[in-house]
Amino acid sequence: MHRNVFKTRIHADSNQSSRASRLFRTTPVVCLPSTSACAFRHLGTRKHGGAASIPDSEPQEASAATSKSRGGRKPAPIISTLIPECLSPSDFIPLDGRTAVFLRASTLRSPTISKKDPTSLSYTNSSRRRVPFPAGTKGFLYWHYTPGNPALTGHIRFRITGSPNPAQFAQGEDLRLPDGHLWHIPLLRIASTQYKSLQTLLLADNIVTEYMLREAENIHDTSGSRPTTKSPVIWRFNQTFPTLIETRVLSVWVLGYSQCLRFKLLYPFRTLNPRTAPVLACKGCACLLRFERSDLPEHRGTRTVVLRIVKISELIKTGELGLHVQSPQPKEGGLLMTRATHGISFFGERPWIPWSINVDDPKVQAKRTQEALKLLFDNEEHAKTVHKQNTSTPSY
């Protein structure tokens, strides 16, 4: 099995190198005490983080948002904030039954935003076709970030409330994909040009900075590829992510506090020669995977990573694999298996063992894969340090 990893290039000149390091260590600014963003609603203005106040109501835009356009199409919804505490009924968006929804940021939040440059939202794709949003998908877009995680792990979610009353936000549920994962738009994607309206809101709400958006936009591998909305992006152990059993390339992005790395596992569920091997006898078999610290006896005392198959859909057989030796059938709850690279061979074949990477072993050939997975250990130690600092209070 070949494993390659591509290190991202984060463009920053010599004067910005220290700032780039701080970027991954500093959390986004989201300060929401009672005296901040929404405490001024009773005065008819909204303030946040020192930004200029804006009228709380938008009569001209509201009338445009509730009327039909001349062509009969629904106009793009207008949203004014991504902060849950600052939502208003005008930020309520109905998505159910639609394959694509265009929205734009309020021009009152940023007069420079173009009304002709809306942001498109979609649910997911199946067989290269867009799947419409599920029935009852009505609610609010909002920003989510877990304190202590790398800054660029922030993302936008959709909270289903069914009612335009923002007071129902806490009782709502987040929109999920068919596989059970949360529907979200990561900051790494928001930084691209197609999400200008969302960028405007994040900047107006003082959630992110221009510098953070530039750094997020500059994250790519050596081929120029960037994370997509479907790209698995992980930053800690036991984070599940979806893939297909028949996948040829398992590509995962790992975010750290000072860098972002991408690695690829080729043919993770089979080790047959791709030039001569027939198609795996399974099609459309979705599964959930997660990287774990290994607790196997042979890895005791080492920092070794294994890959577990958390959940797997029903296998759909599509044919025979011929005379080639098959890889073990993936088992729900089991570990990903691979051929041993050394040891006793049986009838010319090496035994099957759990796939693993020791991040400290100098003999590991996949150096870059090793470097990427090492970030999971670094993040774990960083989180422990932050937690210890937050819980230790001086006694007087």
Foldseek 3Di string as FASTA:
>chain_A
DDKAKFFWDQDDDPVCQVVLLVQQVDAFDDDDDCPAFAVCVVVQWGHHPPFDTFGLDDVVVLVQQPDADPVRDHAAQEFAAQALVSGALSQKDDFAPDQKGWHFYDCRLPVPDDSVQTAIDGADDDPNHGDGAHPQQIFHKHKDDDPLGTRQAIWIWGWRQSDSHSVSRVVTHTDAHPVGHGQIGTLLRCLDPNNVRVVSRCVSNSRDDPVSSSSSPRTDGPVRDTDDSQAAEDAAFPDKHKDALQDQKRKHWYDFSNTIMIMIDGNQQWDPDPVPWDGPQFPPKMWIKTKDQDPDPVQPPFRKIWMATQGIDDGHGDDDRPPDDTGPDHDHGGTRKDFDPDDDADPNGGDIDTDMDGLPDPPDPRVRVSVRVVRNVVSVVSSVVVVVVVPDDDDD
